[in-house]
PDB file of N, CA and C in Angstrom:
ATOM      1  N   UNK A   1      28.504  -0.765  16.736  1.00  0.00           N
ATOM      2  CA  UNK A   1      28.015  -1.060  15.431  1.00  0.00           C
ATOM      3  C   UNK A   1      28.930  -2.194  14.755  1.00  0.00           C
ATOM      4  N   UNK A   2      28.371  -3.119  14.127  1.00  0.00           N
ATOM      5  CA  UNK A   2      29.103  -4.235  13.578  1.00  0.00           C
ATOM      6  C   UNK A   2      29.939  -3.740  12.395  1.00  0.00           C
ATOM      7  N   UNK A   3      31.159  -4.277  12.197  1.00  0.00           N
ATOM      8  CA  UNK A   3      31.944  -3.936  10.955  1.00  0.00           C
ATOM      9  C   UNK A   3      31.308  -4.316   9.615  1.00  0.00           C
ATOM     10  N   UNK A   4      30.374  -5.369   9.626  1.00  0.00           N
ATOM     11  CA  UNK A   4      29.787  -5.806   8.451  1.00  0.00           C
ATOM     12  C   UNK A   4      28.552  -5.043   8.130  1.00  0.00           C
ATOM     13  N   UNK A   5      28.054  -4.174   9.050  1.00  0.00           N
ATOM     14  CA  UNK A   5      26.807  -3.327   8.824  1.00  0.00           C
ATOM     15  C   UNK A   5      27.008  -2.365   7.579  1.00  0.00           C
ATOM     16  N   UNK A   6      28.111  -1.616   7.505  1.00  0.00           N
ATOM     17  CA  UNK A   6      28.240  -0.699   6.297  1.00  0.00           C
ATOM     18  C   UNK A   6      28.260  -1.510   4.991  1.00  0.00           C
ATOM     19  N   UNK A   7      28.921  -2.573   5.019  1.00  0.00           N
ATOM     20  CA  UNK A   7      29.032  -3.458   3.807  1.00  0.00           C
ATOM     21  C   UNK A   7      27.681  -3.911   3.426  1.00  0.00           C
ATOM     22  N   UNK A   8      26.839  -4.386   4.417  1.00  0.00           N
ATOM     23  CA  UNK A   8      25.509  -4.857   4.197  1.00  0.00           C
ATOM     24  C   UNK A   8      24.595  -3.718   3.713  1.00  0.00           C
ATOM     25  N   UNK A   9      24.741  -2.436   4.126  1.00  0.00           N
ATOM     26  CA  UNK A   9      23.983  -1.305   3.803  1.00  0.00           C
ATOM     27  C   UNK A   9      24.346  -0.875   2.371  1.00  0.00           C
ATOM     28  N   UNK A  10      25.657  -0.894   1.951  1.00  0.00           N
ATOM     29  CA  UNK A  10      26.007  -0.577   0.676  1.00  0.00           C
ATOM     30  C   UNK A  10      25.507  -1.694  -0.281  1.00  0.00           C
ATOM     31  N   UNK A  11      25.625  -2.930   0.090  1.00  0.00           N
ATOM     32  CA  UNK A  11      25.133  -3.984  -0.806  1.00  0.00           C
ATOM     33  C   UNK A  11      23.615  -3.853  -1.047  1.00  0.00           C
ATOM     34  N   UNK A  12      22.777  -3.689   0.029  1.00  0.00           N
ATOM     35  CA  UNK A  12      21.353  -3.435  -0.131  1.00  0.00           C
ATOM     36  C   UNK A  12      21.087  -2.257  -0.987  1.00  0.00           C
ATOM     37  N   UNK A  13      21.875  -1.188  -0.785  1.00  0.00           N
ATOM     38  CA  UNK A  13      21.607   0.060  -1.725  1.00  0.00           C
ATOM     39  C   UNK A  13      21.873  -0.289  -3.122  1.00  0.00           C
ATOM     40  N   UNK A  14      22.933  -0.946  -3.500  1.00  0.00           N
ATOM     41  CA  UNK A  14      23.200  -1.350  -4.809  1.00  0.00           C
ATOM     42  C   UNK A  14      22.127  -2.307  -5.400  1.00  0.00           C
ATOM     43  N   UNK A  15      21.684  -3.289  -4.572  1.00  0.00           N
ATOM     44  CA  UNK A  15      20.690  -4.150  -4.989  1.00  0.00           C
ATOM     45  C   UNK A  15      19.311  -3.437  -5.303  1.00  0.00           C
ATOM     46  N   UNK A  16      18.904  -2.507  -4.407  1.00  0.00           N
ATOM     47  CA  UNK A  16      17.607  -1.850  -4.629  1.00  0.00           C
ATOM     48  C   UNK A  16      17.804  -0.873  -5.765  1.00  0.00           C
ATOM     49  N   UNK A  17      18.768  -0.296  -6.029  1.00  0.00           N
ATOM     50  CA  UNK A  17      18.999   0.583  -7.181  1.00  0.00           C
ATOM     51  C   UNK A  17      19.033  -0.274  -8.459  1.00  0.00           C
ATOM     52  N   UNK A  18      19.647  -1.475  -8.465  1.00  0.00           N
ATOM     53  CA  UNK A  18      19.634  -2.284  -9.499  1.00  0.00           C
ATOM     54  C   UNK A  18      18.267  -2.771  -9.992  1.00  0.00           C
ATOM     55  N   UNK A  19      17.481  -2.958  -8.985  1.00  0.00           N
ATOM     56  CA  UNK A  19      16.100  -3.511  -9.125  1.00  0.00           C
ATOM     57  C   UNK A  19      15.305  -2.350  -9.942  1.00  0.00           C
ATOM     58  N   UNK A  20      15.458  -1.103  -9.325  1.00  0.00           N
ATOM     59  CA  UNK A  20      14.802   0.013 -10.066  1.00  0.00           C
ATOM     60  C   UNK A  20      15.233   0.231 -11.471  1.00  0.00           C
ATOM     61  N   UNK A  21      16.552   0.171 -11.663  1.00  0.00           N
ATOM     62  CA  UNK A  21      17.125   0.345 -13.041  1.00  0.00           C
ATOM     63  C   UNK A  21      16.677  -0.750 -13.884  1.00  0.00           C
ATOM     64  N   UNK A  22      16.745  -2.014 -13.517  1.00  0.00           N
ATOM     65  CA  UNK A  22      16.263  -3.098 -14.257  1.00  0.00           C
ATOM     66  C   UNK A  22      14.787  -2.971 -14.722  1.00  0.00           C
ATOM     67  N   UNK A  23      13.956  -2.528 -13.823  1.00  0.00           N
ATOM     68  CA  UNK A  23      12.464  -2.386 -14.082  1.00  0.00           C
ATOM     69  C   UNK A  23      12.369  -1.233 -15.105  1.00  0.00           C
ATOM     70  N   UNK A  24      13.124  -0.182 -15.059  1.00  0.00           N
ATOM     71  CA  UNK A  24      13.060   0.983 -15.986  1.00  0.00           C
ATOM     72  C   UNK A  24      13.480   0.484 -17.350  1.00  0.00           C
ATOM     73  N   UNK A  25      14.621  -0.223 -17.419  1.00  0.00           N
ATOM     74  CA  UNK A  25      15.099  -0.671 -18.725  1.00  0.00           C
ATOM     75  C   UNK A  25      14.116  -1.671 -19.432  1.00  0.00           C
ATOM     76  N   UNK A  26      13.637  -2.629 -18.685  1.00  0.00           N
ATOM     77  CA  UNK A  26      12.852  -3.586 -19.287  1.00  0.00           C
ATOM     78  C   UNK A  26      11.425  -3.021 -19.614  1.00  0.00           C
ATOM     79  N   UNK A  27      10.928  -1.937 -18.890  1.00  0.00           N
ATOM     80  CA  UNK A  27       9.600  -1.417 -19.296  1.00  0.00           C
ATOM     81  C   UNK A  27       9.730  -0.645 -20.556  1.00  0.00           C
ATOM     82  N   UNK A  28      10.884  -0.206 -20.981  1.00  0.00           N
ATOM     83  CA  UNK A  28      11.058   0.617 -22.304  1.00  0.00           C
ATOM     84  C   UNK A  28      11.186  -0.279 -23.396  1.00  0.00           C
ATOM     85  N   UNK A  29      11.321  -1.564 -23.272  1.00  0.00           N
ATOM     86  CA  UNK A  29      11.523  -2.444 -24.430  1.00  0.00           C
ATOM     87  C   UNK A  29      10.146  -2.787 -24.957  1.00  0.00           C
ATOM     88  N   UNK A  30       9.915  -2.672 -26.333  1.00  0.00           N
ATOM     89  CA  UNK A  30       8.683  -2.974 -26.974  1.00  0.00           C
ATOM     90  C   UNK A  30       8.443  -4.495 -26.972  1.00  0.00           C
ATOM     91  N   UNK A  31       7.314  -4.947 -27.101  1.00  0.00           N
ATOM     92  CA  UNK A  31       6.938  -6.309 -26.837  1.00  0.00           C
ATOM     93  C   UNK A  31       7.514  -7.026 -28.154  1.00  0.00           C
ATOM     94  N   UNK A  32       7.613  -6.534 -29.179  1.00  0.00           N
ATOM     95  CA  UNK A  32       8.094  -7.194 -30.428  1.00  0.00           C
ATOM     96  C   UNK A  32       9.584  -7.419 -30.366  1.00  0.00           C
ATOM     97  N   UNK A  33      10.372  -6.672 -29.509  1.00  0.00           N
ATOM     98  CA  UNK A  33      11.705  -6.814 -29.478  1.00  0.00           C
ATOM     99  C   UNK A  33      12.139  -7.718 -28.260  1.00  0.00           C
ATOM    100  N   UNK A  34      11.188  -8.039 -27.365  1.00  0.00           N
ATOM    101  CA  UNK A  34      11.571  -8.804 -26.099  1.00  0.00           C
ATOM    102  C   UNK A  34      12.142 -10.073 -26.274  1.00  0.00           C
ATOM    103  N   UNK A  35      11.512 -10.935 -27.357  1.00  0.00           N
ATOM    104  CA  UNK A  35      12.082 -12.253 -27.541  1.00  0.00           C
ATOM    105  C   UNK A  35      13.477 -12.223 -28.187  1.00  0.00           C
ATOM    106  N   UNK A  36      13.687 -11.374 -29.284  1.00  0.00           N
ATOM    107  CA  UNK A  36      15.004 -11.476 -29.772  1.00  0.00           C
ATOM    108  C   UNK A  36      16.101 -10.969 -28.828  1.00  0.00           C
ATOM    109  N   UNK A  37      15.732 -10.090 -27.852  1.00  0.00           N
ATOM    110  CA  UNK A  37      16.687  -9.622 -26.938  1.00  0.00           C
ATOM    111  C   UNK A  37      17.091 -10.667 -25.858  1.00  0.00           C
ATOM    112  N   UNK A  38      16.282 -11.617 -25.764  1.00  0.00           N
ATOM    113  CA  UNK A  38      16.498 -12.659 -24.768  1.00  0.00           C
ATOM    114  C   UNK A  38      17.832 -13.439 -24.908  1.00  0.00           C
ATOM    115  N   UNK A  39      18.241 -13.621 -26.107  1.00  0.00           N
ATOM    116  CA  UNK A  39      19.499 -14.306 -26.524  1.00  0.00           C
ATOM    117  C   UNK A  39      20.617 -13.428 -25.990  1.00  0.00           C
ATOM    118  N   UNK A  40      20.594 -12.125 -26.084  1.00  0.00           N
ATOM    119  CA  UNK A  40      21.547 -11.249 -25.579  1.00  0.00           C
ATOM    120  C   UNK A  40      21.643 -11.123 -24.125  1.00  0.00           C
ATOM    121  N   UNK A  41      20.527 -11.227 -23.494  1.00  0.00           N
ATOM    122  CA  UNK A  41      20.443 -11.024 -22.039  1.00  0.00           C
ATOM    123  C   UNK A  41      20.989 -12.386 -21.335  1.00  0.00           C
ATOM    124  N   UNK A  42      21.055 -13.475 -22.096  1.00  0.00           N
ATOM    125  CA  UNK A  42      21.584 -14.750 -21.526  1.00  0.00           C
ATOM    126  C   UNK A  42      23.055 -14.493 -21.093  1.00  0.00           C
ATOM    127  N   UNK A  43      23.788 -13.618 -21.725  1.00  0.00           N
ATOM    128  CA  UNK A  43      25.148 -13.391 -21.249  1.00  0.00           C
ATOM    129  C   UNK A  43      25.112 -12.603 -19.957  1.00  0.00           C
ATOM    130  N   UNK A  44      24.206 -11.705 -19.735  1.00  0.00           N
ATOM    131  CA  UNK A  44      24.132 -11.040 -18.408  1.00  0.00           C
ATOM    132  C   UNK A  44      23.699 -11.943 -17.397  1.00  0.00           C
ATOM    133  N   UNK A  45      22.870 -12.895 -17.645  1.00  0.00           N
ATOM    134  CA  UNK A  45      22.391 -13.749 -16.597  1.00  0.00           C
ATOM    135  C   UNK A  45      23.607 -14.872 -16.294  1.00  0.00           C
ATOM    136  N   UNK A  46      24.400 -15.069 -17.311  1.00  0.00           N
ATOM    137  CA  UNK A  46      25.553 -15.797 -17.190  1.00  0.00           C
ATOM    138  C   UNK A  46      26.589 -15.185 -16.177  1.00  0.00           C
ATOM    139  N   UNK A  47      26.579 -13.890 -16.175  1.00  0.00           N
ATOM    140  CA  UNK A  47      27.491 -13.186 -15.287  1.00  0.00           C
ATOM    141  C   UNK A  47      27.016 -13.332 -13.881  1.00  0.00           C
ATOM    142  N   UNK A  48      25.626 -13.177 -13.780  1.00  0.00           N
ATOM    143  CA  UNK A  48      25.114 -13.386 -12.456  1.00  0.00           C
ATOM    144  C   UNK A  48      25.285 -14.686 -11.977  1.00  0.00           C
ATOM    145  N   UNK A  49      25.239 -15.760 -12.705  1.00  0.00           N
ATOM    146  CA  UNK A  49      25.567 -17.086 -12.275  1.00  0.00           C
ATOM    147  C   UNK A  49      26.982 -17.290 -11.840  1.00  0.00           C
ATOM    148  N   UNK A  50      28.015 -16.631 -12.525  1.00  0.00           N
ATOM    149  CA  UNK A  50      29.436 -16.672 -12.209  1.00  0.00           C
ATOM    150  C   UNK A  50      29.661 -15.923 -10.903  1.00  0.00           C
ATOM    151  N   UNK A  51      29.087 -14.704 -10.845  1.00  0.00           N
ATOM    152  CA  UNK A  51      29.245 -13.907  -9.469  1.00  0.00           C
ATOM    153  C   UNK A  51      28.667 -14.563  -8.345  1.00  0.00           C
ATOM    154  N   UNK A  52      27.575 -15.249  -8.623  1.00  0.00           N
ATOM    155  CA  UNK A  52      26.826 -15.911  -7.431  1.00  0.00           C
ATOM    156  C   UNK A  52      27.717 -17.151  -6.947  1.00  0.00           C
ATOM    157  N   UNK A  53      28.301 -17.855  -7.978  1.00  0.00           N
ATOM    158  CA  UNK A  53      29.187 -18.984  -7.557  1.00  0.00           C
ATOM    159  C   UNK A  53      30.474 -18.488  -6.939  1.00  0.00           C
ATOM    160  N   UNK A  54      30.957 -17.377  -7.239  1.00  0.00           N
ATOM    161  CA  UNK A  54      32.191 -16.904  -6.503  1.00  0.00           C
ATOM    162  C   UNK A  54      31.794 -16.467  -5.148  1.00  0.00           C
ATOM    163  N   UNK A  55      30.758 -15.730  -4.951  1.00  0.00           N
ATOM    164  CA  UNK A  55      30.365 -15.321  -3.690  1.00  0.00           C
ATOM    165  C   UNK A  55      30.052 -16.460  -2.748  1.00  0.00           C
ATOM    166  N   UNK A  56      29.327 -17.511  -3.461  1.00  0.00           N
ATOM    167  CA  UNK A  56      28.938 -18.740  -2.686  1.00  0.00           C
ATOM    168  C   UNK A  56      30.321 -19.469  -2.199  1.00  0.00           C
ATOM    169  N   UNK A  57      31.235 -19.633  -3.137  1.00  0.00           N
ATOM    170  CA  UNK A  57      32.412 -20.330  -2.848  1.00  0.00           C
ATOM    171  C   UNK A  57      33.206 -19.565  -1.770  1.00  0.00           C
ATOM    172  N   UNK A  58      33.282 -18.229  -1.886  1.00  0.00           N
ATOM    173  CA  UNK A  58      34.013 -17.408  -0.849  1.00  0.00           C
ATOM    174  C   UNK A  58      33.265 -17.461   0.493  1.00  0.00           C
ATOM    175  N   UNK A  59      31.923 -17.537   0.428  1.00  0.00           N
ATOM    176  CA  UNK A  59      31.327 -17.486   1.768  1.00  0.00           C
ATOM    177  C   UNK A  59      31.450 -18.777   2.559  1.00  0.00           C
ATOM    178  N   UNK A  60      31.610 -19.865   1.720  1.00  0.00           N
ATOM    179  CA  UNK A  60      31.830 -21.176   2.349  1.00  0.00           C
ATOM    180  C   UNK A  60      33.327 -21.334   2.929  1.00  0.00           C
ATOM    181  N   UNK A  61      34.227 -20.900   2.001  1.00  0.00           N
ATOM    182  CA  UNK A  61      35.703 -21.095   2.481  1.00  0.00           C
ATOM    183  C   UNK A  61      36.066 -20.102   3.555  1.00  0.00           C
ATOM    184  N   UNK A  62      35.423 -18.892   3.560  1.00  0.00           N
ATOM    185  CA  UNK A  62      35.790 -17.908   4.586  1.00  0.00           C
ATOM    186  C   UNK A  62      34.965 -18.050   5.836  1.00  0.00           C
ATOM    187  N   UNK A  63      33.933 -18.917   5.767  1.00  0.00           N
ATOM    188  CA  UNK A  63      33.116 -19.106   7.000  1.00  0.00           C
ATOM    189  C   UNK A  63      32.276 -17.901   7.193  1.00  0.00           C
ATOM    190  N   UNK A  64      31.661 -17.234   6.275  1.00  0.00           N
ATOM    191  CA  UNK A  64      30.835 -16.126   6.511  1.00  0.00           C
ATOM    192  C   UNK A  64      29.525 -16.568   7.090  1.00  0.00           C
ATOM    193  N   UNK A  65      28.661 -15.579   7.362  1.00  0.00           N
ATOM    194  CA  UNK A  65      27.421 -15.907   7.948  1.00  0.00           C
ATOM    195  C   UNK A  65      26.497 -16.750   6.894  1.00  0.00           C
ATOM    196  N   UNK A  66      25.657 -17.412   7.518  1.00  0.00           N
ATOM    197  CA  UNK A  66      24.706 -18.281   6.750  1.00  0.00           C
ATOM    198  C   UNK A  66      23.831 -17.483   5.783  1.00  0.00           C
ATOM    199  N   UNK A  67      23.443 -16.320   6.084  1.00  0.00           N
ATOM    200  CA  UNK A  67      22.616 -15.478   5.286  1.00  0.00           C
ATOM    201  C   UNK A  67      23.379 -15.241   3.871  1.00  0.00           C
ATOM    202  N   UNK A  68      24.604 -14.922   3.833  1.00  0.00           N
ATOM    203  CA  UNK A  68      25.373 -14.629   2.635  1.00  0.00           C
ATOM    204  C   UNK A  68      25.482 -15.921   1.754  1.00  0.00           C
ATOM    205  N   UNK A  69      25.626 -17.107   2.448  1.00  0.00           N
ATOM    206  CA  UNK A  69      25.662 -18.305   1.695  1.00  0.00           C
ATOM    207  C   UNK A  69      24.294 -18.691   1.060  1.00  0.00           C
ATOM    208  N   UNK A  70      23.196 -18.425   1.853  1.00  0.00           N
ATOM    209  CA  UNK A  70      21.944 -18.680   1.353  1.00  0.00           C
ATOM    210  C   UNK A  70      21.531 -17.652   0.042  1.00  0.00           C
ATOM    211  N   UNK A  71      21.890 -16.501   0.281  1.00  0.00           N
ATOM    212  CA  UNK A  71      21.603 -15.531  -0.844  1.00  0.00           C
ATOM    213  C   UNK A  71      22.417 -15.822  -2.067  1.00  0.00           C
ATOM    214  N   UNK A  72      23.614 -16.179  -1.835  1.00  0.00           N
ATOM    215  CA  UNK A  72      24.464 -16.568  -3.103  1.00  0.00           C
ATOM    216  C   UNK A  72      23.894 -17.781  -3.666  1.00  0.00           C
ATOM    217  N   UNK A  73      23.479 -18.858  -2.942  1.00  0.00           N
ATOM    218  CA  UNK A  73      22.908 -20.000  -3.544  1.00  0.00           C
ATOM    219  C   UNK A  73      21.696 -19.622  -4.344  1.00  0.00           C
ATOM    220  N   UNK A  74      20.839 -18.819  -3.765  1.00  0.00           N
ATOM    221  CA  UNK A  74      19.459 -18.461  -4.372  1.00  0.00           C
ATOM    222  C   UNK A  74      19.908 -17.639  -5.842  1.00  0.00           C
ATOM    223  N   UNK A  75      20.951 -16.793  -5.749  1.00  0.00           N
ATOM    224  CA  UNK A  75      21.430 -16.013  -6.908  1.00  0.00           C
ATOM    225  C   UNK A  75      21.757 -16.974  -7.961  1.00  0.00           C
ATOM    226  N   UNK A  76      22.582 -18.094  -7.652  1.00  0.00           N
ATOM    227  CA  UNK A  76      23.063 -19.043  -8.667  1.00  0.00           C
ATOM    228  C   UNK A  76      21.804 -19.835  -9.170  1.00  0.00           C
ATOM    229  N   UNK A  77      20.860 -20.253  -8.403  1.00  0.00           N
ATOM    230  CA  UNK A  77      19.627 -21.015  -8.902  1.00  0.00           C
ATOM    231  C   UNK A  77      18.873 -20.031  -9.752  1.00  0.00           C
ATOM    232  N   UNK A  78      18.518 -18.836  -9.308  1.00  0.00           N
ATOM    233  CA  UNK A  78      17.687 -17.989 -10.085  1.00  0.00           C
ATOM    234  C   UNK A  78      18.334 -17.588 -11.420  1.00  0.00           C
ATOM    235  N   UNK A  79      19.678 -17.357 -11.400  1.00  0.00           N
ATOM    236  CA  UNK A  79      20.468 -16.962 -12.565  1.00  0.00           C
ATOM    237  C   UNK A  79      20.424 -18.139 -13.599  1.00  0.00           C
ATOM    238  N   UNK A  80      20.629 -19.201 -13.082  1.00  0.00           N
ATOM    239  CA  UNK A  80      20.604 -20.506 -14.000  1.00  0.00           C
ATOM    240  C   UNK A  80      19.298 -20.699 -14.597  1.00  0.00           C
ATOM    241  N   UNK A  81      18.124 -20.476 -13.820  1.00  0.00           N
ATOM    242  CA  UNK A  81      16.939 -20.574 -14.361  1.00  0.00           C
ATOM    243  C   UNK A  81      16.633 -19.591 -15.386  1.00  0.00           C
ATOM    244  N   UNK A  82      17.209 -18.330 -15.228  1.00  0.00           N
ATOM    245  CA  UNK A  82      17.000 -17.364 -16.301  1.00  0.00           C
ATOM    246  C   UNK A  82      17.798 -17.689 -17.586  1.00  0.00           C
ATOM    247  N   UNK A  83      19.000 -18.350 -17.524  1.00  0.00           N
ATOM    248  CA  UNK A  83      19.695 -18.683 -18.599  1.00  0.00           C
ATOM    249  C   UNK A  83      19.215 -19.741 -19.335  1.00  0.00           C
ATOM    250  N   UNK A  84      18.560 -20.801 -18.695  1.00  0.00           N
ATOM    251  CA  UNK A  84      17.939 -21.908 -19.271  1.00  0.00           C
ATOM    252  C   UNK A  84      16.588 -21.367 -19.954  1.00  0.00           C
ATOM    253  N   UNK A  85      15.785 -20.536 -19.304  1.00  0.00           N
ATOM    254  CA  UNK A  85      14.633 -20.013 -19.760  1.00  0.00           C
ATOM    255  C   UNK A  85      14.822 -19.192 -21.066  1.00  0.00           C
ATOM    256  N   UNK A  86      15.902 -18.430 -20.958  1.00  0.00           N
ATOM    257  CA  UNK A  86      16.284 -17.563 -22.088  1.00  0.00           C
ATOM    258  C   UNK A  86      16.576 -18.372 -23.356  1.00  0.00           C
ATOM    259  N   UNK A  87      17.264 -19.540 -23.084  1.00  0.00           N
ATOM    260  CA  UNK A  87      17.612 -20.340 -24.365  1.00  0.00           C
ATOM    261  C   UNK A  87      16.369 -20.993 -24.844  1.00  0.00           C
ATOM    262  N   UNK A  88      15.432 -21.308 -24.019  1.00  0.00           N
ATOM    263  CA  UNK A  88      14.132 -22.025 -24.469  1.00  0.00           C
ATOM    264  C   UNK A  88      13.379 -21.130 -25.176  1.00  0.00           C
ATOM    265  N   UNK A  89      13.262 -19.860 -24.718  1.00  0.00           N
ATOM    266  CA  UNK A  89      12.437 -18.870 -25.468  1.00  0.00           C
ATOM    267  C   UNK A  89      13.134 -18.522 -26.796  1.00  0.00           C
ATOM    268  N   UNK A  90      14.442 -18.498 -26.782  1.00  0.00           N
ATOM    269  CA  UNK A  90      15.137 -18.111 -28.056  1.00  0.00           C
ATOM    270  C   UNK A  90      14.979 -19.392 -29.098  1.00  0.00           C
ATOM    271  N   UNK A  91      14.989 -20.526 -28.557  1.00  0.00           N
ATOM    272  CA  UNK A  91      14.833 -21.687 -29.456  1.00  0.00           C
ATOM    273  C   UNK A  91      13.456 -21.676 -30.057  1.00  0.00           C
ATOM    274  N   UNK A  92      12.368 -21.333 -29.248  1.00  0.00           N
ATOM    275  CA  UNK A  92      11.043 -21.297 -29.735  1.00  0.00           C
ATOM    276  C   UNK A  92      10.855 -20.188 -30.813  1.00  0.00           C
ATOM    277  N   UNK A  93      11.542 -19.118 -30.642  1.00  0.00           N
ATOM    278  CA  UNK A  93      11.406 -17.945 -31.531  1.00  0.00           C
ATOM    279  C   UNK A  93      12.239 -18.502 -32.844  1.00  0.00           C
ATOM    280  N   UNK A  94      13.206 -19.225 -32.855  1.00  0.00           N
ATOM    281  CA  UNK A  94      13.837 -19.707 -34.000  1.00  0.00           C
ATOM    282  C   UNK A  94      13.098 -20.692 -34.729  1.00  0.00           C
ATOM    283  N   UNK A  95      12.316 -21.553 -34.031  1.00  0.00           N
ATOM    284  CA  UNK A  95      11.515 -22.471 -34.561  1.00  0.00           C
ATOM    285  C   UNK A  95      10.368 -21.772 -35.565  1.00  0.00           C
ATOM    286  N   UNK A  96       9.946 -20.724 -35.252  1.00  0.00           N
ATOM    287  CA  UNK A  96       8.992 -19.875 -36.016  1.00  0.00           C
ATOM    288  C   UNK A  96       9.538 -19.618 -37.474  1.00  0.00           C
ATOM    289  N   UNK A  97      10.822 -19.564 -37.617  1.00  0.00           N
ATOM    290  CA  UNK A  97      11.424 -19.168 -38.903  1.00  0.00           C
ATOM    291  C   UNK A  97      11.958 -20.327 -39.629  1.00  0.00           C
ATOM    292  N   UNK A  98      11.748 -21.616 -39.077  1.00  0.00           N
ATOM    293  CA  UNK A  98      12.166 -22.838 -39.828  1.00  0.00           C
ATOM    294  C   UNK A  98      11.122 -23.042 -40.929  1.00  0.00           C
ATOM    295  N   UNK A  99      11.639 -23.674 -41.979  1.00  0.00           N
ATOM    296  CA  UNK A  99      10.803 -23.927 -43.196  1.00  0.00           C
ATOM    297  C   UNK A  99       9.998 -25.199 -42.833  1.00  0.00           C
ATOM    298  N   UNK A 100       8.742 -25.125 -43.069  1.00  0.00           N
ATOM    299  CA  UNK A 100       7.837 -26.354 -42.947  1.00  0.00           C
ATOM    300  C   UNK A 100       8.023 -27.305 -44.147  1.00  0.00           C
ATOM    301  N   UNK A 101       8.120 -28.581 -43.813  1.00  0.00           N
ATOM    302  CA  UNK A 101       8.209 -29.427 -45.051  1.00  0.00           C
ATOM    303  C   UNK A 101       7.005 -29.532 -45.894  1.00  0.00           C
ATOM    304  N   UNK A 102       7.237 -29.400 -47.223  1.00  0.00           N
ATOM    305  CA  UNK A 102       6.049 -29.406 -48.109  1.00  0.00           C
ATOM    306  C   UNK A 102       5.591 -30.835 -48.340  1.00  0.00           C
ATOM    307  N   UNK A 103       4.465 -31.041 -49.123  1.00  0.00           N
ATOM    308  CA  UNK A 103       3.977 -32.315 -49.329  1.00  0.00           C
ATOM    309  C   UNK A 103       4.854 -33.211 -49.939  1.00  0.00           C
ATOM    310  N   UNK A 104       5.807 -32.744 -50.860  1.00  0.00           N
ATOM    311  CA  UNK A 104       6.728 -33.580 -51.562  1.00  0.00           C
ATOM    312  C   UNK A 104       7.944 -33.940 -50.625  1.00  0.00           C
ATOM    313  N   UNK A 105       8.238 -33.206 -49.641  1.00  0.00           N
ATOM    314  CA  UNK A 105       9.309 -33.562 -48.726  1.00  0.00           C
ATOM    315  C   UNK A 105       8.946 -34.545 -47.548  1.00  0.00           C
ATOM    316  N   UNK A 106       7.692 -34.649 -47.417  1.00  0.00           N
ATOM    317  CA  UNK A 106       7.337 -35.592 -46.253  1.00  0.00           C
ATOM    318  C   UNK A 106       7.469 -37.058 -46.714  1.00  0.00           C
ATOM    319  N   UNK A 107       7.985 -37.918 -45.790  1.00  0.00           N
ATOM    320  CA  UNK A 107       8.152 -39.367 -46.097  1.00  0.00           C
ATOM    321  C   UNK A 107       7.545 -40.160 -45.035  1.00  0.00           C
TER     322      UNK A 107
END
């Protein structure tokens, strides 16, 4: 048995449990609260990006297998996409509360 097999098994177990926990948490959020919560979850996605960059950097410097490098790269790309998407959604939400210029304010 390979020495990396137990580490891979533990990592896969944590990943699968995280997916199930994330689905349960998100499913309980009412639709009206989803957009305001996006700004708060950007911090969580930022943690994913930082962790992915750390794993990516360590996998390159330590010469780990190619699969670890690819998964870390994908984590960074998806995490960055979530951060950007969260800020876009939050910005659109905040635009709904901006005051529209009245007829006297238009120039």
